[in-house]
PDB file of N, CA and C in Angstrom:
ATOM      1  N   MET A   1     175.958 140.267  68.449  1.00  0.00           N
ATOM      2  CA  MET A   1     175.475 140.198  70.273  1.00  0.00           C
ATOM      3  C   MET A   1     177.249 139.609  71.017  1.00  0.00           C
ATOM      4  N   GLN A   2     177.289 140.113  72.477  1.00  0.00           N
ATOM      5  CA  GLN A   2     178.103 140.203  73.274  1.00  0.00           C
ATOM      6  C   GLN A   2     177.630 139.044  74.409  1.00  0.00           C
ATOM      7  N   TRP A   3     178.204 138.959  75.157  1.00  0.00           N
ATOM      8  CA  TRP A   3     178.728 137.890  75.626  1.00  0.00           C
ATOM      9  C   TRP A   3     177.511 138.129  76.773  1.00  0.00           C
ATOM     10  N   ALA A   4     178.058 139.380  77.520  1.00  0.00           N
ATOM     11  CA  ALA A   4     176.967 139.773  78.588  1.00  0.00           C
ATOM     12  C   ALA A   4     175.667 139.798  78.506  1.00  0.00           C
ATOM     13  N   ASP A   5     174.991 139.892  76.855  1.00  0.00           N
ATOM     14  CA  ASP A   5     173.677 140.491  76.485  1.00  0.00           C
ATOM     15  C   ASP A   5     172.914 138.464  76.773  1.00  0.00           C
ATOM     16  N   LEU A   6     173.935 137.039  75.648  1.00  0.00           N
ATOM     17  CA  LEU A   6     173.545 136.267  75.843  1.00  0.00           C
ATOM     18  C   LEU A   6     173.889 135.999  77.600  1.00  0.00           C
ATOM     19  N   LEU A   7     174.966 135.898  77.869  1.00  0.00           N
ATOM     20  CA  LEU A   7     174.322 136.073  79.125  1.00  0.00           C
ATOM     21  C   LEU A   7     172.805 135.595  80.362  1.00  0.00           C
ATOM     22  N   ALA A   8     172.765 137.414  79.907  1.00  0.00           N
ATOM     23  CA  ALA A   8     171.601 138.203  80.944  1.00  0.00           C
ATOM     24  C   ALA A   8     170.134 137.622  79.876  1.00  0.00           C
ATOM     25  N   ALA A   9     170.156 137.157  78.685  1.00  0.00           N
ATOM     26  CA  ALA A   9     168.954 136.717  78.698  1.00  0.00           C
ATOM     27  C   ALA A   9     169.026 134.510  79.383  1.00  0.00           C
ATOM     28  N   LEU A  10     169.805 134.402  79.503  1.00  0.00           N
ATOM     29  CA  LEU A  10     170.050 133.203  80.271  1.00  0.00           C
ATOM     30  C   LEU A  10     169.290 133.448  81.431  1.00  0.00           C
ATOM     31  N   ALA A  11     169.596 134.291  81.816  1.00  0.00           N
ATOM     32  CA  ALA A  11     169.414 134.674  83.931  1.00  0.00           C
ATOM     33  C   ALA A  11     168.230 135.440  83.744  1.00  0.00           C
ATOM     34  N   LEU A  12     167.297 135.573  82.684  1.00  0.00           N
ATOM     35  CA  LEU A  12     166.259 135.904  82.355  1.00  0.00           C
ATOM     36  C   LEU A  12     165.077 134.631  81.654  1.00  0.00           C
ATOM     37  N   VAL A  13     166.156 133.505  81.681  1.00  0.00           N
ATOM     38  CA  VAL A  13     164.845 132.969  81.043  1.00  0.00           C
ATOM     39  C   VAL A  13     164.936 131.503  82.300  1.00  0.00           C
ATOM     40  N   LEU A  14     166.210 131.901  83.382  1.00  0.00           N
ATOM     41  CA  LEU A  14     165.920 131.557  85.243  1.00  0.00           C
ATOM     42  C   LEU A  14     165.098 131.698  85.621  1.00  0.00           C
ATOM     43  N   ILE A  15     164.852 133.393  85.404  1.00  0.00           N
ATOM     44  CA  ILE A  15     164.100 133.442  86.765  1.00  0.00           C
ATOM     45  C   ILE A  15     162.826 134.026  86.309  1.00  0.00           C
ATOM     46  N   LEU A  16     162.683 133.926  85.174  1.00  0.00           N
ATOM     47  CA  LEU A  16     161.063 133.042  84.595  1.00  0.00           C
ATOM     48  C   LEU A  16     161.286 132.385  85.130  1.00  0.00           C
ATOM     49  N   GLU A  17     161.321 131.149  84.419  1.00  0.00           N
ATOM     50  CA  GLU A  17     160.865 129.438  85.075  1.00  0.00           C
ATOM     51  C   GLU A  17     160.584 129.659  86.668  1.00  0.00           C
ATOM     52  N   GLY A  18     162.563 129.812  87.067  1.00  0.00           N
ATOM     53  CA  GLY A  18     161.195 130.307  88.466  1.00  0.00           C
ATOM     54  C   GLY A  18     160.880 130.710  89.388  1.00  0.00           C
ATOM     55  N   LEU A  19     160.088 131.886  88.702  1.00  0.00           N
ATOM     56  CA  LEU A  19     159.121 131.911  89.432  1.00  0.00           C
ATOM     57  C   LEU A  19     157.537 131.472  89.044  1.00  0.00           C
ATOM     58  N   LEU A  20     157.584 130.712  87.316  1.00  0.00           N
ATOM     59  CA  LEU A  20     156.732 129.700  87.470  1.00  0.00           C
ATOM     60  C   LEU A  20     156.501 128.673  88.441  1.00  0.00           C
ATOM     61  N   LEU A  21     157.794 128.161  88.236  1.00  0.00           N
ATOM     62  CA  LEU A  21     158.188 127.484  89.190  1.00  0.00           C
ATOM     63  C   LEU A  21     157.474 127.457  91.628  1.00  0.00           C
ATOM     64  N   PHE A  22     157.549 129.007  90.855  1.00  0.00           N
ATOM     65  CA  PHE A  22     157.894 129.370  93.356  1.00  0.00           C
ATOM     66  C   PHE A  22     155.860 130.042  93.482  1.00  0.00           C
ATOM     67  N   ALA A  23     155.732 130.920  92.024  1.00  0.00           N
ATOM     68  CA  ALA A  23     154.228 130.788  92.210  1.00  0.00           C
ATOM     69  C   ALA A  23     152.983 129.911  92.236  1.00  0.00           C
ATOM     70  N   ALA A  24     153.035 128.953  91.094  1.00  0.00           N
ATOM     71  CA  ALA A  24     152.255 127.705  90.730  1.00  0.00           C
ATOM     72  C   ALA A  24     152.647 126.430  90.168  1.00  0.00           C
ATOM     73  N   PRO A  25     153.928 125.697  91.791  1.00  0.00           N
ATOM     74  CA  PRO A  25     154.154 124.842  91.621  1.00  0.00           C
ATOM     75  C   PRO A  25     153.126 123.114  91.237  1.00  0.00           C
ATOM     76  N   LYS A  26     151.944 123.610  92.015  1.00  0.00           N
ATOM     77  CA  LYS A  26     150.641 122.618  90.983  1.00  0.00           C
ATOM     78  C   LYS A  26     150.484 122.638  89.485  1.00  0.00           C
ATOM     79  N   ALA A  27     150.162 123.414  88.808  1.00  0.00           N
ATOM     80  CA  ALA A  27     149.998 124.253  88.013  1.00  0.00           C
ATOM     81  C   ALA A  27     151.445 124.292  86.366  1.00  0.00           C
ATOM     82  N   TRP A  28     151.840 123.849  87.529  1.00  0.00           N
ATOM     83  CA  TRP A  28     154.007 123.150  86.487  1.00  0.00           C
ATOM     84  C   TRP A  28     153.924 122.101  86.075  1.00  0.00           C
ATOM     85  N   LYS A  29     153.647 121.547  87.497  1.00  0.00           N
ATOM     86  CA  LYS A  29     153.632 119.915  87.379  1.00  0.00           C
ATOM     87  C   LYS A  29     152.136 119.105  86.519  1.00  0.00           C
ATOM     88  N   ARG A  30     151.617 120.075  86.192  1.00  0.00           N
ATOM     89  CA  ARG A  30     150.066 119.758  85.238  1.00  0.00           C
ATOM     90  C   ARG A  30     150.374 119.806  84.188  1.00  0.00           C
ATOM     91  N   MET A  31     150.913 120.871  84.289  1.00  0.00           N
ATOM     92  CA  MET A  31     151.470 121.551  82.721  1.00  0.00           C
ATOM     93  C   MET A  31     152.786 119.805  81.954  1.00  0.00           C
ATOM     94  N   VAL A  32     153.810 120.592  83.012  1.00  0.00           N
ATOM     95  CA  VAL A  32     154.396 118.746  82.523  1.00  0.00           C
ATOM     96  C   VAL A  32     153.485 117.418  82.454  1.00  0.00           C
ATOM     97  N   ALA A  33     153.427 117.426  82.934  1.00  0.00           N
ATOM     98  CA  ALA A  33     152.308 115.353  83.250  1.00  0.00           C
ATOM     99  C   ALA A  33     151.772 115.824  81.412  1.00  0.00           C
ATOM    100  N   GLN A  34     151.257 116.992  81.365  1.00  0.00           N
ATOM    101  CA  GLN A  34     150.555 116.528  80.319  1.00  0.00           C
ATOM    102  C   GLN A  34     151.136 116.717  78.945  1.00  0.00           C
ATOM    103  N   LEU A  35     152.064 117.199  78.726  1.00  0.00           N
ATOM    104  CA  LEU A  35     153.303 117.087  77.734  1.00  0.00           C
ATOM    105  C   LEU A  35     153.791 116.007  78.007  1.00  0.00           C
ATOM    106  N   LEU A  36     153.801 114.960  78.963  1.00  0.00           N
ATOM    107  CA  LEU A  36     154.366 113.469  78.367  1.00  0.00           C
ATOM    108  C   LEU A  36     153.422 112.645  78.189  1.00  0.00           C
ATOM    109  N   PRO A  37     153.283 112.556  77.283  1.00  0.00           N
ATOM    110  CA  PRO A  37     152.487 111.761  76.733  1.00  0.00           C
ATOM    111  C   PRO A  37     152.048 111.672  75.130  1.00  0.00           C
ATOM    112  N   GLN A  38     152.762 113.284  75.350  1.00  0.00           N
ATOM    113  CA  GLN A  38     152.338 113.715  73.661  1.00  0.00           C
ATOM    114  C   GLN A  38     153.796 113.539  72.992  1.00  0.00           C
ATOM    115  N   PRO A  39     153.855 113.286  71.335  1.00  0.00           N
ATOM    116  CA  PRO A  39     154.624 112.738  70.630  1.00  0.00           C
ATOM    117  C   PRO A  39     155.989 113.606  70.867  1.00  0.00           C
ATOM    118  N   GLU A  40     157.372 113.178  71.001  1.00  0.00           N
ATOM    119  CA  GLU A  40     158.362 113.808  71.054  1.00  0.00           C
ATOM    120  C   GLU A  40     158.393 114.738  69.556  1.00  0.00           C
ATOM    121  N   ARG A  41     157.691 113.926  68.580  1.00  0.00           N
ATOM    122  CA  ARG A  41     157.579 114.949  67.166  1.00  0.00           C
ATOM    123  C   ARG A  41     156.900 116.121  66.792  1.00  0.00           C
ATOM    124  N   GLN A  42     155.834 116.426  68.071  1.00  0.00           N
ATOM    125  CA  GLN A  42     155.006 117.444  68.524  1.00  0.00           C
ATOM    126  C   GLN A  42     155.478 117.866  69.141  1.00  0.00           C
ATOM    127  N   LEU A  43     156.208 117.766  69.958  1.00  0.00           N
ATOM    128  CA  LEU A  43     157.007 118.988  71.451  1.00  0.00           C
ATOM    129  C   LEU A  43     158.624 119.554  70.367  1.00  0.00           C
ATOM    130  N   SER A  44     158.784 118.207  69.516  1.00  0.00           N
ATOM    131  CA  SER A  44     160.297 118.853  68.335  1.00  0.00           C
ATOM    132  C   SER A  44     159.065 120.170  68.332  1.00  0.00           C
ATOM    133  N   ALA A  45     158.831 119.668  67.396  1.00  0.00           N
ATOM    134  CA  ALA A  45     158.217 121.398  66.152  1.00  0.00           C
ATOM    135  C   ALA A  45     158.416 121.833  66.567  1.00  0.00           C
ATOM    136  N   ILE A  46     157.068 122.135  68.317  1.00  0.00           N
ATOM    137  CA  ILE A  46     157.033 122.798  69.215  1.00  0.00           C
ATOM    138  C   ILE A  46     157.791 123.646  69.637  1.00  0.00           C
ATOM    139  N   GLY A  47     158.679 123.435  70.450  1.00  0.00           N
ATOM    140  CA  GLY A  47     160.249 123.848  70.468  1.00  0.00           C
ATOM    141  C   GLY A  47     160.623 124.334  69.440  1.00  0.00           C
ATOM    142  N   GLY A  48     160.374 124.451  68.085  1.00  0.00           N
ATOM    143  CA  GLY A  48     161.821 124.437  66.629  1.00  0.00           C
ATOM    144  C   GLY A  48     159.873 126.023  66.459  1.00  0.00           C
ATOM    145  N   PHE A  49     158.904 126.546  67.050  1.00  0.00           N
ATOM    146  CA  PHE A  49     158.067 127.539  66.299  1.00  0.00           C
ATOM    147  C   PHE A  49     158.827 128.566  67.126  1.00  0.00           C
ATOM    148  N   MET A  50     158.718 127.526  68.751  1.00  0.00           N
ATOM    149  CA  MET A  50     158.926 128.495  70.396  1.00  0.00           C
ATOM    150  C   MET A  50     160.413 129.324  69.516  1.00  0.00           C
ATOM    151  N   LEU A  51     161.580 128.710  68.769  1.00  0.00           N
ATOM    152  CA  LEU A  51     162.890 129.023  68.864  1.00  0.00           C
ATOM    153  C   LEU A  51     162.545 130.210  67.562  1.00  0.00           C
ATOM    154  N   ILE A  52     161.075 130.096  66.163  1.00  0.00           N
ATOM    155  CA  ILE A  52     161.861 130.362  65.525  1.00  0.00           C
ATOM    156  C   ILE A  52     160.470 132.397  65.902  1.00  0.00           C
ATOM    157  N   ALA A  53     160.199 132.671  66.795  1.00  0.00           N
ATOM    158  CA  ALA A  53     159.541 133.567  66.981  1.00  0.00           C
ATOM    159  C   ALA A  53     159.477 133.996  68.069  1.00  0.00           C
ATOM    160  N   GLY A  54     160.923 132.646  68.922  1.00  0.00           N
ATOM    161  CA  GLY A  54     162.244 134.294  69.636  1.00  0.00           C
ATOM    162  C   GLY A  54     162.897 134.412  69.018  1.00  0.00           C
ATOM    163  N   LEU A  55     163.330 134.501  68.504  1.00  0.00           N
ATOM    164  CA  LEU A  55     164.115 134.155  67.111  1.00  0.00           C
ATOM    165  C   LEU A  55     163.885 136.252  66.645  1.00  0.00           C
ATOM    166  N   ILE A  56     162.816 135.786  65.623  1.00  0.00           N
ATOM    167  CA  ILE A  56     162.304 136.598  64.935  1.00  0.00           C
ATOM    168  C   ILE A  56     161.740 138.671  65.899  1.00  0.00           C
ATOM    169  N   ALA A  57     160.998 138.239  67.214  1.00  0.00           N
ATOM    170  CA  ALA A  57     161.152 138.985  68.740  1.00  0.00           C
ATOM    171  C   ALA A  57     162.558 139.275  68.958  1.00  0.00           C
ATOM    172  N   LEU A  58     163.355 138.550  68.975  1.00  0.00           N
ATOM    173  CA  LEU A  58     165.273 139.357  69.664  1.00  0.00           C
ATOM    174  C   LEU A  58     165.334 140.296  68.010  1.00  0.00           C
ATOM    175  N   TYR A  59     164.939 139.766  66.391  1.00  0.00           N
ATOM    176  CA  TYR A  59     165.445 140.532  65.835  1.00  0.00           C
ATOM    177  C   TYR A  59     165.144 142.504  65.959  1.00  0.00           C
ATOM    178  N   PHE A  60     163.561 141.933  65.966  1.00  0.00           N
ATOM    179  CA  PHE A  60     162.543 143.975  65.771  1.00  0.00           C
ATOM    180  C   PHE A  60     162.335 144.324  67.412  1.00  0.00           C
ATOM    181  N   ILE A  61     162.854 143.776  68.357  1.00  0.00           N
ATOM    182  CA  ILE A  61     163.429 144.213  69.441  1.00  0.00           C
ATOM    183  C   ILE A  61     164.885 144.536  70.041  1.00  0.00           C
ATOM    184  N   ARG A  62     166.006 144.469  68.853  1.00  0.00           N
ATOM    185  CA  ARG A  62     167.270 144.899  68.639  1.00  0.00           C
ATOM    186  C   ARG A  62     167.431 145.695  67.796  1.00  0.00           C
ATOM    187  N   GLY A  63     166.656 146.299  66.576  1.00  0.00           N
ATOM    188  CA  GLY A  63     165.891 146.640  66.586  1.00  0.00           C
ATOM    189  C   GLY A  63     166.560 146.619  64.894  1.00  0.00           C
ATOM    190  N   GLY A  64     166.768 145.181  64.115  1.00  0.00           N
ATOM    191  CA  GLY A  64     166.607 144.696  63.161  1.00  0.00           C
ATOM    192  C   GLY A  64     166.080 144.951  61.961  1.00  0.00           C
TER     193      GLY A  64
END
């Protein structure tokens, strides 16, 4: 993977996050408010799952 690929992926993350905030700020705030009381261990587990799912998807998308 080249640096340009990594930067392009990060740019797409920023675009998607910005799109959600731009299109539905109230829904975004509600989602964040629901996450605040969640235990950190649960949030970490969700983040780990998302990380693994993303890596698997990237592997197949890139022709692995």
